[in-house]
Amino acid sequence: MQARILKINEADEYYFEEGCFILELSNSPADPEVSIARARVKPGVTTKLHRLKGVVERYVIIAGTADVEIAGLEPHSIQPGDVVIIPPLCAQRITNTGSEDLVFLAICSSRFTKNSYENIE
């Protein structure tokens, strides 16, 4: 791995089938240990129930409020500053309960690939 600076380009944000908008901040085979994405969920939207194979995911809530559901836990209300840790293969989804976009970082280790995503609805 080499030292480098990555610059975000807002135009690279895309809609993901899960029900949210994703902007990949760092996701490369050159850094297979981790990926970082900014996720954005519109008000009133609940993402699809899904799980990740072989990936630990962490949500770091930046803006907005939500209810998060993770297998084995009661639904929890979350807000900016909260961190949600999701082990591999845990069913998960998040609902934006506020009136503004919910924005959070999704930090995955090992890095997220579309092959690790499994829709379980």
PDB file of N, CA and C in Angstrom:
ATOM      1  N   MET A   1       0.844  -1.174   0.000  1.00  0.00           N
ATOM      2  CA  MET A   1       0.000   0.000   0.000  1.00  0.00           C
ATOM      3  C   MET A   1       0.892   1.240   0.000  1.00  0.00           C
ATOM      4  N   GLN A   2       0.437   2.265  -0.699  1.00  0.00           N
ATOM      5  CA  GLN A   2       1.165   3.527  -0.766  1.00  0.00           C
ATOM      6  C   GLN A   2       0.355   4.625  -0.090  1.00  0.00           C
ATOM      7  N   ALA A   3       1.045   5.590   0.485  1.00  0.00           N
ATOM      8  CA  ALA A   3       0.373   6.755   1.059  1.00  0.00           C
ATOM      9  C   ALA A   3      -0.288   7.534  -0.078  1.00  0.00           C
ATOM     10  N   ARG A   4      -1.495   8.033   0.172  1.00  0.00           N
ATOM     11  CA  ARG A   4      -2.185   8.834  -0.836  1.00  0.00           C
ATOM     12  C   ARG A   4      -3.318   9.614  -0.197  1.00  0.00           C
ATOM     13  N   ILE A   5      -3.802  10.593  -0.900  1.00  0.00           N
ATOM     14  CA  ILE A   5      -4.934  11.414  -0.495  1.00  0.00           C
ATOM     15  C   ILE A   5      -6.054  11.158  -1.492  1.00  0.00           C
ATOM     16  N   LEU A   6      -7.233  10.824  -0.985  1.00  0.00           N
ATOM     17  CA  LEU A   6      -8.383  10.589  -1.848  1.00  0.00           C
ATOM     18  C   LEU A   6      -9.325  11.782  -1.732  1.00  0.00           C
ATOM     19  N   LYS A   7      -9.762  12.306  -2.849  1.00  0.00           N
ATOM     20  CA  LYS A   7     -10.693  13.439  -2.889  1.00  0.00           C
ATOM     21  C   LYS A   7     -12.072  12.936  -3.297  1.00  0.00           C
ATOM     22  N   ILE A   8     -13.104  13.415  -2.606  1.00  0.00           N
ATOM     23  CA  ILE A   8     -14.450  12.983  -2.974  1.00  0.00           C
ATOM     24  C   ILE A   8     -14.977  13.821  -4.126  1.00  0.00           C
ATOM     25  N   ASN A   9     -15.793  13.169  -4.936  1.00  0.00           N
ATOM     26  CA  ASN A   9     -16.465  13.827  -6.047  1.00  0.00           C
ATOM     27  C   ASN A   9     -17.951  13.539  -5.877  1.00  0.00           C
ATOM     28  N   GLU A  10     -18.728  14.515  -5.482  1.00  0.00           N
ATOM     29  CA  GLU A  10     -20.158  14.338  -5.223  1.00  0.00           C
ATOM     30  C   GLU A  10     -20.891  13.719  -6.414  1.00  0.00           C
ATOM     31  N   ALA A  11     -20.382  13.951  -7.619  1.00  0.00           N
ATOM     32  CA  ALA A  11     -21.026  13.408  -8.820  1.00  0.00           C
ATOM     33  C   ALA A  11     -20.922  11.880  -8.887  1.00  0.00           C
ATOM     34  N   ASP A  12     -20.066  11.284  -8.078  1.00  0.00           N
ATOM     35  CA  ASP A  12     -19.908   9.829  -8.059  1.00  0.00           C
ATOM     36  C   ASP A  12     -20.943   9.125  -7.183  1.00  0.00           C
ATOM     37  N   GLU A  13     -21.779   9.896  -6.471  1.00  0.00           N
ATOM     38  CA  GLU A  13     -22.807   9.267  -5.647  1.00  0.00           C
ATOM     39  C   GLU A  13     -23.774   8.501  -6.553  1.00  0.00           C
ATOM     40  N   TYR A  14     -24.190   7.304  -6.122  1.00  0.00           N
ATOM     41  CA  TYR A  14     -25.121   6.496  -6.913  1.00  0.00           C
ATOM     42  C   TYR A  14     -26.192   5.895  -6.008  1.00  0.00           C
ATOM     43  N   TYR A  15     -27.311   5.525  -6.625  1.00  0.00           N
ATOM     44  CA  TYR A  15     -28.399   4.883  -5.890  1.00  0.00           C
ATOM     45  C   TYR A  15     -28.116   3.386  -5.842  1.00  0.00           C
ATOM     46  N   PHE A  16     -28.162   2.811  -4.643  1.00  0.00           N
ATOM     47  CA  PHE A  16     -27.932   1.387  -4.468  1.00  0.00           C
ATOM     48  C   PHE A  16     -29.266   0.697  -4.226  1.00  0.00           C
ATOM     49  N   GLU A  17     -29.434  -0.489  -4.757  1.00  0.00           N
ATOM     50  CA  GLU A  17     -30.686  -1.248  -4.694  1.00  0.00           C
ATOM     51  C   GLU A  17     -31.221  -1.422  -3.276  1.00  0.00           C
ATOM     52  N   GLU A  18     -30.390  -1.287  -2.294  1.00  0.00           N
ATOM     53  CA  GLU A  18     -30.795  -1.423  -0.890  1.00  0.00           C
ATOM     54  C   GLU A  18     -31.793  -0.341  -0.481  1.00  0.00           C
ATOM     55  N   GLY A  19     -31.765   0.805  -1.170  1.00  0.00           N
ATOM     56  CA  GLY A  19     -32.685   1.896  -0.863  1.00  0.00           C
ATOM     57  C   GLY A  19     -31.997   3.140  -0.358  1.00  0.00           C
ATOM     58  N   CYS A  20     -30.706   3.274  -0.673  1.00  0.00           N
ATOM     59  CA  CYS A  20     -29.968   4.459  -0.222  1.00  0.00           C
ATOM     60  C   CYS A  20     -29.003   4.916  -1.311  1.00  0.00           C
ATOM     61  N   PHE A  21     -28.472   6.098  -1.121  1.00  0.00           N
ATOM     62  CA  PHE A  21     -27.478   6.656  -2.025  1.00  0.00           C
ATOM     63  C   PHE A  21     -26.102   6.429  -1.407  1.00  0.00           C
ATOM     64  N   ILE A  22     -25.136   6.031  -2.234  1.00  0.00           N
ATOM     65  CA  ILE A  22     -23.800   5.690  -1.754  1.00  0.00           C
ATOM     66  C   ILE A  22     -22.761   6.539  -2.477  1.00  0.00           C
ATOM     67  N   LEU A  23     -21.820   7.049  -1.705  1.00  0.00           N
ATOM     68  CA  LEU A  23     -20.640   7.704  -2.256  1.00  0.00           C
ATOM     69  C   LEU A  23     -19.431   6.978  -1.680  1.00  0.00           C
ATOM     70  N   GLU A  24     -18.743   6.229  -2.527  1.00  0.00           N
ATOM     71  CA  GLU A  24     -17.556   5.498  -2.077  1.00  0.00           C
ATOM     72  C   GLU A  24     -16.440   6.499  -1.782  1.00  0.00           C
ATOM     73  N   LEU A  25     -15.975   6.507  -0.552  1.00  0.00           N
ATOM     74  CA  LEU A  25     -14.881   7.395  -0.164  1.00  0.00           C
ATOM     75  C   LEU A  25     -13.536   6.695  -0.308  1.00  0.00           C
ATOM     76  N   SER A  26     -13.531   5.396  -0.005  1.00  0.00           N
ATOM     77  CA  SER A  26     -12.322   4.586  -0.159  1.00  0.00           C
ATOM     78  C   SER A  26     -12.752   3.133  -0.286  1.00  0.00           C
ATOM     79  N   ASN A  27     -12.561   2.567  -1.465  1.00  0.00           N
ATOM     80  CA  ASN A  27     -12.910   1.164  -1.689  1.00  0.00           C
ATOM     81  C   ASN A  27     -12.107   0.673  -2.879  1.00  0.00           C
ATOM     82  N   SER A  28     -10.987   0.014  -2.587  1.00  0.00           N
ATOM     83  CA  SER A  28     -10.071  -0.381  -3.644  1.00  0.00           C
ATOM     84  C   SER A  28      -9.371  -1.689  -3.295  1.00  0.00           C
ATOM     85  N   PRO A  29      -9.126  -2.520  -4.296  1.00  0.00           N
ATOM     86  CA  PRO A  29      -8.333  -3.727  -4.045  1.00  0.00           C
ATOM     87  C   PRO A  29      -6.936  -3.405  -3.509  1.00  0.00           C
ATOM     88  N   ALA A  30      -6.471  -2.188  -3.738  1.00  0.00           N
ATOM     89  CA  ALA A  30      -5.161  -1.781  -3.219  1.00  0.00           C
ATOM     90  C   ALA A  30      -5.178  -1.634  -1.696  1.00  0.00           C
ATOM     91  N   ASP A  31      -6.374  -1.542  -1.102  1.00  0.00           N
ATOM     92  CA  ASP A  31      -6.531  -1.429   0.349  1.00  0.00           C
ATOM     93  C   ASP A  31      -7.640  -2.407   0.779  1.00  0.00           C
ATOM     94  N   PRO A  32      -7.364  -3.716   0.727  1.00  0.00           N
ATOM     95  CA  PRO A  32      -8.405  -4.723   0.927  1.00  0.00           C
ATOM     96  C   PRO A  32      -8.917  -4.854   2.356  1.00  0.00           C
ATOM     97  N   GLU A  33      -8.248  -4.251   3.301  1.00  0.00           N
ATOM     98  CA  GLU A  33      -8.605  -4.396   4.709  1.00  0.00           C
ATOM     99  C   GLU A  33      -9.870  -3.632   5.105  1.00  0.00           C
ATOM    100  N   VAL A  34     -10.176  -2.538   4.366  1.00  0.00           N
ATOM    101  CA  VAL A  34     -11.277  -1.670   4.792  1.00  0.00           C
ATOM    102  C   VAL A  34     -11.852  -0.905   3.602  1.00  0.00           C
ATOM    103  N   SER A  35     -13.131  -0.579   3.701  1.00  0.00           N
ATOM    104  CA  SER A  35     -13.741   0.372   2.766  1.00  0.00           C
ATOM    105  C   SER A  35     -14.551   1.369   3.586  1.00  0.00           C
ATOM    106  N   ILE A  36     -14.692   2.563   3.033  1.00  0.00           N
ATOM    107  CA  ILE A  36     -15.460   3.624   3.688  1.00  0.00           C
ATOM    108  C   ILE A  36     -16.390   4.230   2.634  1.00  0.00           C
ATOM    109  N   ALA A  37     -17.666   4.278   2.976  1.00  0.00           N
ATOM    110  CA  ALA A  37     -18.646   4.891   2.078  1.00  0.00           C
ATOM    111  C   ALA A  37     -19.527   5.827   2.883  1.00  0.00           C
ATOM    112  N   ARG A  38     -20.000   6.877   2.215  1.00  0.00           N
ATOM    113  CA  ARG A  38     -21.021   7.733   2.818  1.00  0.00           C
ATOM    114  C   ARG A  38     -22.363   7.243   2.295  1.00  0.00           C
ATOM    115  N   ALA A  39     -23.262   6.913   3.217  1.00  0.00           N
ATOM    116  CA  ALA A  39     -24.607   6.480   2.851  1.00  0.00           C
ATOM    117  C   ALA A  39     -25.577   7.606   3.174  1.00  0.00           C
ATOM    118  N   ARG A  40     -26.604   7.737   2.312  1.00  0.00           N
ATOM    119  CA  ARG A  40     -27.619   8.772   2.504  1.00  0.00           C
ATOM    120  C   ARG A  40     -28.981   8.142   2.268  1.00  0.00           C
ATOM    121  N   VAL A  41     -29.865   8.275   3.264  1.00  0.00           N
ATOM    122  CA  VAL A  41     -31.204   7.701   3.195  1.00  0.00           C
ATOM    123  C   VAL A  41     -32.214   8.839   3.300  1.00  0.00           C
ATOM    124  N   LYS A  42     -33.138   8.887   2.366  1.00  0.00           N
ATOM    125  CA  LYS A  42     -34.165   9.930   2.348  1.00  0.00           C
ATOM    126  C   LYS A  42     -35.144   9.771   3.517  1.00  0.00           C
ATOM    127  N   PRO A  43     -35.786  10.871   3.960  1.00  0.00           N
ATOM    128  CA  PRO A  43     -36.760  10.798   5.056  1.00  0.00           C
ATOM    129  C   PRO A  43     -37.864   9.772   4.769  1.00  0.00           C
ATOM    130  N   GLY A  44     -38.188   8.991   5.789  1.00  0.00           N
ATOM    131  CA  GLY A  44     -39.256   8.009   5.691  1.00  0.00           C
ATOM    132  C   GLY A  44     -38.881   6.703   5.013  1.00  0.00           C
ATOM    133  N   VAL A  45     -37.677   6.589   4.497  1.00  0.00           N
ATOM    134  CA  VAL A  45     -37.256   5.388   3.768  1.00  0.00           C
ATOM    135  C   VAL A  45     -36.645   4.370   4.728  1.00  0.00           C
ATOM    136  N   THR A  46     -36.997   3.107   4.510  1.00  0.00           N
ATOM    137  CA  THR A  46     -36.367   1.981   5.204  1.00  0.00           C
ATOM    138  C   THR A  46     -35.583   1.185   4.176  1.00  0.00           C
ATOM    139  N   THR A  47     -34.315   0.929   4.457  1.00  0.00           N
ATOM    140  CA  THR A  47     -33.518   0.129   3.534  1.00  0.00           C
ATOM    141  C   THR A  47     -33.984  -1.322   3.574  1.00  0.00           C
ATOM    142  N   LYS A  48     -33.660  -2.062   2.536  1.00  0.00           N
ATOM    143  CA  LYS A  48     -34.034  -3.473   2.465  1.00  0.00           C
ATOM    144  C   LYS A  48     -33.288  -4.262   3.543  1.00  0.00           C
ATOM    145  N   LEU A  49     -33.965  -5.279   4.061  1.00  0.00           N
ATOM    146  CA  LEU A  49     -33.333  -6.180   5.012  1.00  0.00           C
ATOM    147  C   LEU A  49     -32.249  -6.949   4.255  1.00  0.00           C
ATOM    148  N   HIS A  50     -31.030  -6.885   4.786  1.00  0.00           N
ATOM    149  CA  HIS A  50     -29.890  -7.487   4.097  1.00  0.00           C
ATOM    150  C   HIS A  50     -28.846  -7.916   5.109  1.00  0.00           C
ATOM    151  N   ARG A  51     -27.831  -8.602   4.613  1.00  0.00           N
ATOM    152  CA  ARG A  51     -26.681  -8.955   5.441  1.00  0.00           C
ATOM    153  C   ARG A  51     -25.448  -8.977   4.554  1.00  0.00           C
ATOM    154  N   LEU A  52     -24.300  -8.902   5.209  1.00  0.00           N
ATOM    155  CA  LEU A  52     -23.027  -8.914   4.491  1.00  0.00           C
ATOM    156  C   LEU A  52     -22.255 -10.181   4.863  1.00  0.00           C
ATOM    157  N   LYS A  53     -21.757 -10.850   3.855  1.00  0.00           N
ATOM    158  CA  LYS A  53     -20.989 -12.079   4.053  1.00  0.00           C
ATOM    159  C   LYS A  53     -19.511 -11.730   4.218  1.00  0.00           C
ATOM    160  N   GLY A  54     -18.899 -12.179   5.327  1.00  0.00           N
ATOM    161  CA  GLY A  54     -17.469 -11.994   5.539  1.00  0.00           C
ATOM    162  C   GLY A  54     -17.046 -10.565   5.812  1.00  0.00           C
ATOM    163  N   VAL A  55     -17.988  -9.708   6.197  1.00  0.00           N
ATOM    164  CA  VAL A  55     -17.697  -8.285   6.389  1.00  0.00           C
ATOM    165  C   VAL A  55     -18.298  -7.803   7.704  1.00  0.00           C
ATOM    166  N   VAL A  56     -17.488  -7.127   8.518  1.00  0.00           N
ATOM    167  CA  VAL A  56     -17.990  -6.396   9.682  1.00  0.00           C
ATOM    168  C   VAL A  56     -18.267  -4.977   9.209  1.00  0.00           C
ATOM    169  N   GLU A  57     -19.477  -4.487   9.496  1.00  0.00           N
ATOM    170  CA  GLU A  57     -19.839  -3.134   9.076  1.00  0.00           C
ATOM    171  C   GLU A  57     -20.074  -2.267  10.298  1.00  0.00           C
ATOM    172  N   ARG A  58     -19.620  -1.027  10.210  1.00  0.00           N
ATOM    173  CA  ARG A  58     -19.833  -0.052  11.272  1.00  0.00           C
ATOM    174  C   ARG A  58     -20.502   1.169  10.664  1.00  0.00           C
ATOM    175  N   TYR A  59     -21.594   1.597  11.276  1.00  0.00           N
ATOM    176  CA  TYR A  59     -22.236   2.850  10.877  1.00  0.00           C
ATOM    177  C   TYR A  59     -21.776   3.924  11.849  1.00  0.00           C
ATOM    178  N   VAL A  60     -21.329   5.044  11.334  1.00  0.00           N
ATOM    179  CA  VAL A  60     -21.029   6.223  12.144  1.00  0.00           C
ATOM    180  C   VAL A  60     -22.027   7.289  11.692  1.00  0.00           C
ATOM    181  N   ILE A  61     -22.975   7.612  12.566  1.00  0.00           N
ATOM    182  CA  ILE A  61     -24.067   8.514  12.190  1.00  0.00           C
ATOM    183  C   ILE A  61     -23.549   9.955  12.178  1.00  0.00           C
ATOM    184  N   ILE A  62     -23.734  10.622  11.044  1.00  0.00           N
ATOM    185  CA  ILE A  62     -23.252  11.994  10.839  1.00  0.00           C
ATOM    186  C   ILE A  62     -24.388  13.004  10.987  1.00  0.00           C
ATOM    187  N   ALA A  63     -25.540  12.712  10.374  1.00  0.00           N
ATOM    188  CA  ALA A  63     -26.667  13.657  10.404  1.00  0.00           C
ATOM    189  C   ALA A  63     -27.976  12.878  10.329  1.00  0.00           C
ATOM    190  N   GLY A  64     -28.995  13.414  10.986  1.00  0.00           N
ATOM    191  CA  GLY A  64     -30.320  12.814  10.943  1.00  0.00           C
ATOM    192  C   GLY A  64     -30.550  11.844  12.094  1.00  0.00           C
ATOM    193  N   THR A  65     -31.753  11.283  12.101  1.00  0.00           N
ATOM    194  CA  THR A  65     -32.123  10.310  13.129  1.00  0.00           C
ATOM    195  C   THR A  65     -32.707   9.079  12.440  1.00  0.00           C
ATOM    196  N   ALA A  66     -32.600   7.940  13.130  1.00  0.00           N
ATOM    197  CA  ALA A  66     -33.048   6.697  12.511  1.00  0.00           C
ATOM    198  C   ALA A  66     -33.359   5.656  13.567  1.00  0.00           C
ATOM    199  N   ASP A  67     -34.049   4.631  13.123  1.00  0.00           N
ATOM    200  CA  ASP A  67     -34.186   3.397  13.883  1.00  0.00           C
ATOM    201  C   ASP A  67     -33.384   2.354  13.129  1.00  0.00           C
ATOM    202  N   VAL A  68     -32.559   1.609  13.861  1.00  0.00           N
ATOM    203  CA  VAL A  68     -31.754   0.566  13.241  1.00  0.00           C
ATOM    204  C   VAL A  68     -32.177  -0.776  13.812  1.00  0.00           C
ATOM    205  N   GLU A  69     -32.257  -1.762  12.938  1.00  0.00           N
ATOM    206  CA  GLU A  69     -32.588  -3.126  13.326  1.00  0.00           C
ATOM    207  C   GLU A  69     -31.416  -4.026  12.946  1.00  0.00           C
ATOM    208  N   ILE A  70     -30.924  -4.768  13.936  1.00  0.00           N
ATOM    209  CA  ILE A  70     -29.836  -5.722  13.727  1.00  0.00           C
ATOM    210  C   ILE A  70     -30.259  -7.024  14.384  1.00  0.00           C
ATOM    211  N   ALA A  71     -30.046  -8.142  13.689  1.00  0.00           N
ATOM    212  CA  ALA A  71     -30.421  -9.453  14.218  1.00  0.00           C
ATOM    213  C   ALA A  71     -29.934  -9.612  15.654  1.00  0.00           C
ATOM    214  N   GLY A  72     -30.827 -10.045  16.525  1.00  0.00           N
ATOM    215  CA  GLY A  72     -30.452 -10.299  17.909  1.00  0.00           C
ATOM    216  C   GLY A  72     -30.627  -9.120  18.844  1.00  0.00           C
ATOM    217  N   LEU A  73     -30.893  -7.939  18.317  1.00  0.00           N
ATOM    218  CA  LEU A  73     -31.091  -6.755  19.148  1.00  0.00           C
ATOM    219  C   LEU A  73     -32.471  -6.171  18.895  1.00  0.00           C
ATOM    220  N   GLU A  74     -33.024  -5.536  19.923  1.00  0.00           N
ATOM    221  CA  GLU A  74     -34.260  -4.776  19.746  1.00  0.00           C
ATOM    222  C   GLU A  74     -33.955  -3.576  18.849  1.00  0.00           C
ATOM    223  N   PRO A  75     -34.932  -3.086  18.070  1.00  0.00           N
ATOM    224  CA  PRO A  75     -34.690  -1.862  17.293  1.00  0.00           C
ATOM    225  C   PRO A  75     -34.262  -0.719  18.220  1.00  0.00           C
ATOM    226  N   HIS A  76     -33.288   0.063  17.756  1.00  0.00           N
ATOM    227  CA  HIS A  76     -32.761   1.176  18.541  1.00  0.00           C
ATOM    228  C   HIS A  76     -32.852   2.477  17.758  1.00  0.00           C
ATOM    229  N   SER A  77     -33.172   3.565  18.440  1.00  0.00           N
ATOM    230  CA  SER A  77     -33.106   4.897  17.853  1.00  0.00           C
ATOM    231  C   SER A  77     -31.659   5.364  17.914  1.00  0.00           C
ATOM    232  N   ILE A  78     -31.197   5.967  16.820  1.00  0.00           N
ATOM    233  CA  ILE A  78     -29.825   6.456  16.768  1.00  0.00           C
ATOM    234  C   ILE A  78     -29.817   7.882  16.243  1.00  0.00           C
ATOM    235  N   GLN A  79     -28.720   8.579  16.568  1.00  0.00           N
ATOM    236  CA  GLN A  79     -28.577   9.995  16.219  1.00  0.00           C
ATOM    237  C   GLN A  79     -27.112  10.297  15.940  1.00  0.00           C
ATOM    238  N   PRO A  80     -26.794  11.526  15.497  1.00  0.00           N
ATOM    239  CA  PRO A  80     -25.406  11.868  15.190  1.00  0.00           C
ATOM    240  C   PRO A  80     -24.472  11.553  16.363  1.00  0.00           C
ATOM    241  N   GLY A  81     -23.337  10.943  16.006  1.00  0.00           N
ATOM    242  CA  GLY A  81     -22.337  10.560  16.989  1.00  0.00           C
ATOM    243  C   GLY A  81     -22.421   9.100  17.391  1.00  0.00           C
ATOM    244  N   ASP A  82     -23.568   8.466  17.167  1.00  0.00           N
ATOM    245  CA  ASP A  82     -23.708   7.058  17.518  1.00  0.00           C
ATOM    246  C   ASP A  82     -22.945   6.185  16.524  1.00  0.00           C
ATOM    247  N   VAL A  83     -22.462   5.046  17.024  1.00  0.00           N
ATOM    248  CA  VAL A  83     -21.767   4.057  16.203  1.00  0.00           C
ATOM    249  C   VAL A  83     -22.499   2.729  16.356  1.00  0.00           C
ATOM    250  N   VAL A  84     -22.796   2.097  15.240  1.00  0.00           N
ATOM    251  CA  VAL A  84     -23.483   0.809  15.208  1.00  0.00           C
ATOM    252  C   VAL A  84     -22.502  -0.211  14.647  1.00  0.00           C
ATOM    253  N   ILE A  85     -22.295  -1.321  15.360  1.00  0.00           N
ATOM    254  CA  ILE A  85     -21.369  -2.361  14.919  1.00  0.00           C
ATOM    255  C   ILE A  85     -22.183  -3.594  14.519  1.00  0.00           C
ATOM    256  N   ILE A  86     -21.979  -4.045  13.291  1.00  0.00           N
ATOM    257  CA  ILE A  86     -22.777  -5.133  12.725  1.00  0.00           C
ATOM    258  C   ILE A  86     -21.844  -6.265  12.294  1.00  0.00           C
ATOM    259  N   PRO A  87     -21.861  -7.397  13.028  1.00  0.00           N
ATOM    260  CA  PRO A  87     -21.021  -8.535  12.653  1.00  0.00           C
ATOM    261  C   PRO A  87     -21.447  -9.144  11.312  1.00  0.00           C
ATOM    262  N   PRO A  88     -20.580  -9.947  10.703  1.00  0.00           N
ATOM    263  CA  PRO A  88     -20.939 -10.611   9.449  1.00  0.00           C
ATOM    264  C   PRO A  88     -22.211 -11.452   9.599  1.00  0.00           C
ATOM    265  N   LEU A  89     -22.987 -11.505   8.520  1.00  0.00           N
ATOM    266  CA  LEU A  89     -24.197 -12.317   8.393  1.00  0.00           C
ATOM    267  C   LEU A  89     -25.346 -11.912   9.308  1.00  0.00           C
ATOM    268  N   CYS A  90     -25.266 -10.750   9.951  1.00  0.00           N
ATOM    269  CA  CYS A  90     -26.381 -10.253  10.768  1.00  0.00           C
ATOM    270  C   CYS A  90     -27.362  -9.500   9.887  1.00  0.00           C
ATOM    271  N   ALA A  91     -28.629  -9.894   9.967  1.00  0.00           N
ATOM    272  CA  ALA A  91     -29.673  -9.168   9.241  1.00  0.00           C
ATOM    273  C   ALA A  91     -29.701  -7.733   9.750  1.00  0.00           C
ATOM    274  N   GLN A  92     -29.862  -6.788   8.823  1.00  0.00           N
ATOM    275  CA  GLN A  92     -29.839  -5.382   9.214  1.00  0.00           C
ATOM    276  C   GLN A  92     -30.681  -4.546   8.258  1.00  0.00           C
ATOM    277  N   ARG A  93     -31.193  -3.451   8.803  1.00  0.00           N
ATOM    278  CA  ARG A  93     -31.835  -2.406   7.997  1.00  0.00           C
ATOM    279  C   ARG A  93     -31.937  -1.169   8.868  1.00  0.00           C
ATOM    280  N   ILE A  94     -32.127  -0.036   8.201  1.00  0.00           N
ATOM    281  CA  ILE A  94     -32.196   1.234   8.906  1.00  0.00           C
ATOM    282  C   ILE A  94     -33.339   2.051   8.313  1.00  0.00           C
ATOM    283  N   THR A  95     -34.060   2.770   9.184  1.00  0.00           N
ATOM    284  CA  THR A  95     -35.180   3.610   8.774  1.00  0.00           C
ATOM    285  C   THR A  95     -34.885   5.054   9.152  1.00  0.00           C
ATOM    286  N   ASN A  96     -34.959   5.944   8.183  1.00  0.00           N
ATOM    287  CA  ASN A  96     -34.800   7.369   8.475  1.00  0.00           C
ATOM    288  C   ASN A  96     -36.101   7.855   9.119  1.00  0.00           C
ATOM    289  N   THR A  97     -36.028   8.224  10.392  1.00  0.00           N
ATOM    290  CA  THR A  97     -37.211   8.670  11.132  1.00  0.00           C
ATOM    291  C   THR A  97     -37.327  10.187  11.194  1.00  0.00           C
ATOM    292  N   GLY A  98     -36.394  10.893  10.586  1.00  0.00           N
ATOM    293  CA  GLY A  98     -36.393  12.351  10.656  1.00  0.00           C
ATOM    294  C   GLY A  98     -36.965  13.000   9.412  1.00  0.00           C
ATOM    295  N   SER A  99     -36.866  14.323   9.378  1.00  0.00           N
ATOM    296  CA  SER A  99     -37.384  15.106   8.250  1.00  0.00           C
ATOM    297  C   SER A  99     -36.269  15.554   7.301  1.00  0.00           C
ATOM    298  N   GLU A 100     -35.029  15.172   7.594  1.00  0.00           N
ATOM    299  CA  GLU A 100     -33.897  15.491   6.725  1.00  0.00           C
ATOM    300  C   GLU A 100     -33.206  14.183   6.351  1.00  0.00           C
ATOM    301  N   ASP A 101     -32.308  14.256   5.386  1.00  0.00           N
ATOM    302  CA  ASP A 101     -31.575  13.058   4.993  1.00  0.00           C
ATOM    303  C   ASP A 101     -30.799  12.496   6.185  1.00  0.00           C
ATOM    304  N   LEU A 102     -30.810  11.183   6.305  1.00  0.00           N
ATOM    305  CA  LEU A 102     -29.949  10.478   7.238  1.00  0.00           C
ATOM    306  C   LEU A 102     -28.623  10.259   6.524  1.00  0.00           C
ATOM    307  N   VAL A 103     -27.520  10.653   7.150  1.00  0.00           N
ATOM    308  CA  VAL A 103     -26.198  10.515   6.548  1.00  0.00           C
ATOM    309  C   VAL A 103     -25.306   9.788   7.541  1.00  0.00           C
ATOM    310  N   PHE A 104     -24.646   8.735   7.045  1.00  0.00           N
ATOM    311  CA  PHE A 104     -23.716   8.006   7.911  1.00  0.00           C
ATOM    312  C   PHE A 104     -22.581   7.426   7.093  1.00  0.00           C
ATOM    313  N   LEU A 105     -21.472   7.177   7.783  1.00  0.00           N
ATOM    314  CA  LEU A 105     -20.367   6.468   7.162  1.00  0.00           C
ATOM    315  C   LEU A 105     -20.586   4.981   7.375  1.00  0.00           C
ATOM    316  N   ALA A 106     -20.358   4.202   6.347  1.00  0.00           N
ATOM    317  CA  ALA A 106     -20.372   2.744   6.448  1.00  0.00           C
ATOM    318  C   ALA A 106     -18.926   2.295   6.272  1.00  0.00           C
ATOM    319  N   ILE A 107     -18.346   1.834   7.368  1.00  0.00           N
ATOM    320  CA  ILE A 107     -16.946   1.414   7.376  1.00  0.00           C
ATOM    321  C   ILE A 107     -16.934  -0.109   7.457  1.00  0.00           C
ATOM    322  N   CYS A 108     -16.382  -0.743   6.443  1.00  0.00           N
ATOM    323  CA  CYS A 108     -16.422  -2.204   6.347  1.00  0.00           C
ATOM    324  C   CYS A 108     -15.020  -2.800   6.391  1.00  0.00           C
ATOM    325  N   SER A 109     -14.897  -3.916   7.115  1.00  0.00           N
ATOM    326  CA  SER A 109     -13.655  -4.678   7.095  1.00  0.00           C
ATOM    327  C   SER A 109     -14.015  -6.160   7.045  1.00  0.00           C
ATOM    328  N   SER A 110     -13.496  -6.877   6.132  1.00  0.00           N
ATOM    329  CA  SER A 110     -12.713  -6.427   5.008  1.00  0.00           C
ATOM    330  C   SER A 110     -13.578  -5.541   4.103  1.00  0.00           C
ATOM    331  N   ARG A 111     -12.997  -5.042   3.044  1.00  0.00           N
ATOM    332  CA  ARG A 111     -13.703  -4.053   2.231  1.00  0.00           C
ATOM    333  C   ARG A 111     -14.978  -4.617   1.618  1.00  0.00           C
ATOM    334  N   PHE A 112     -15.959  -3.735   1.438  1.00  0.00           N
ATOM    335  CA  PHE A 112     -17.235  -4.103   0.833  1.00  0.00           C
ATOM    336  C   PHE A 112     -17.060  -4.353  -0.655  1.00  0.00           C
ATOM    337  N   THR A 113     -17.668  -5.446  -1.131  1.00  0.00           N
ATOM    338  CA  THR A 113     -17.826  -5.686  -2.562  1.00  0.00           C
ATOM    339  C   THR A 113     -19.281  -6.074  -2.781  1.00  0.00           C
ATOM    340  N   LYS A 114     -19.769  -5.899  -3.977  1.00  0.00           N
ATOM    341  CA  LYS A 114     -21.174  -6.250  -4.244  1.00  0.00           C
ATOM    342  C   LYS A 114     -21.437  -7.734  -4.011  1.00  0.00           C
ATOM    343  N   ASN A 115     -20.425  -8.575  -4.106  1.00  0.00           N
ATOM    344  CA  ASN A 115     -20.574 -10.003  -3.848  1.00  0.00           C
ATOM    345  C   ASN A 115     -20.827 -10.298  -2.375  1.00  0.00           C
ATOM    346  N   SER A 116     -20.456  -9.382  -1.486  1.00  0.00           N
ATOM    347  CA  SER A 116     -20.680  -9.605  -0.050  1.00  0.00           C
ATOM    348  C   SER A 116     -22.112  -9.253   0.366  1.00  0.00           C
ATOM    349  N   TYR A 117     -22.838  -8.521  -0.474  1.00  0.00           N
ATOM    350  CA  TYR A 117     -24.190  -8.070  -0.156  1.00  0.00           C
ATOM    351  C   TYR A 117     -25.216  -9.162  -0.464  1.00  0.00           C
ATOM    352  N   GLU A 118     -26.126  -9.411   0.484  1.00  0.00           N
ATOM    353  CA  GLU A 118     -27.182 -10.385   0.270  1.00  0.00           C
ATOM    354  C   GLU A 118     -28.517  -9.807   0.734  1.00  0.00           C
ATOM    355  N   ASN A 119     -29.445  -9.592  -0.213  1.00  0.00           N
ATOM    356  CA  ASN A 119     -30.795  -9.138   0.093  1.00  0.00           C
ATOM    357  C   ASN A 119     -31.541 -10.316   0.691  1.00  0.00           C
ATOM    358  N   ILE A 120     -32.129 -10.144   1.896  1.00  0.00           N
ATOM    359  CA  ILE A 120     -32.833 -11.268   2.534  1.00  0.00           C
ATOM    360  C   ILE A 120     -34.313 -10.946   2.761  1.00  0.00           C
ATOM    361  N   GLU A 121     -34.848 -10.015   2.007  1.00  0.00           N
ATOM    362  CA  GLU A 121     -36.288  -9.727   2.106  1.00  0.00           C
ATOM    363  C   GLU A 121     -37.092 -10.771   1.383  1.00  0.00           C
TER     364      GLU A 121
END
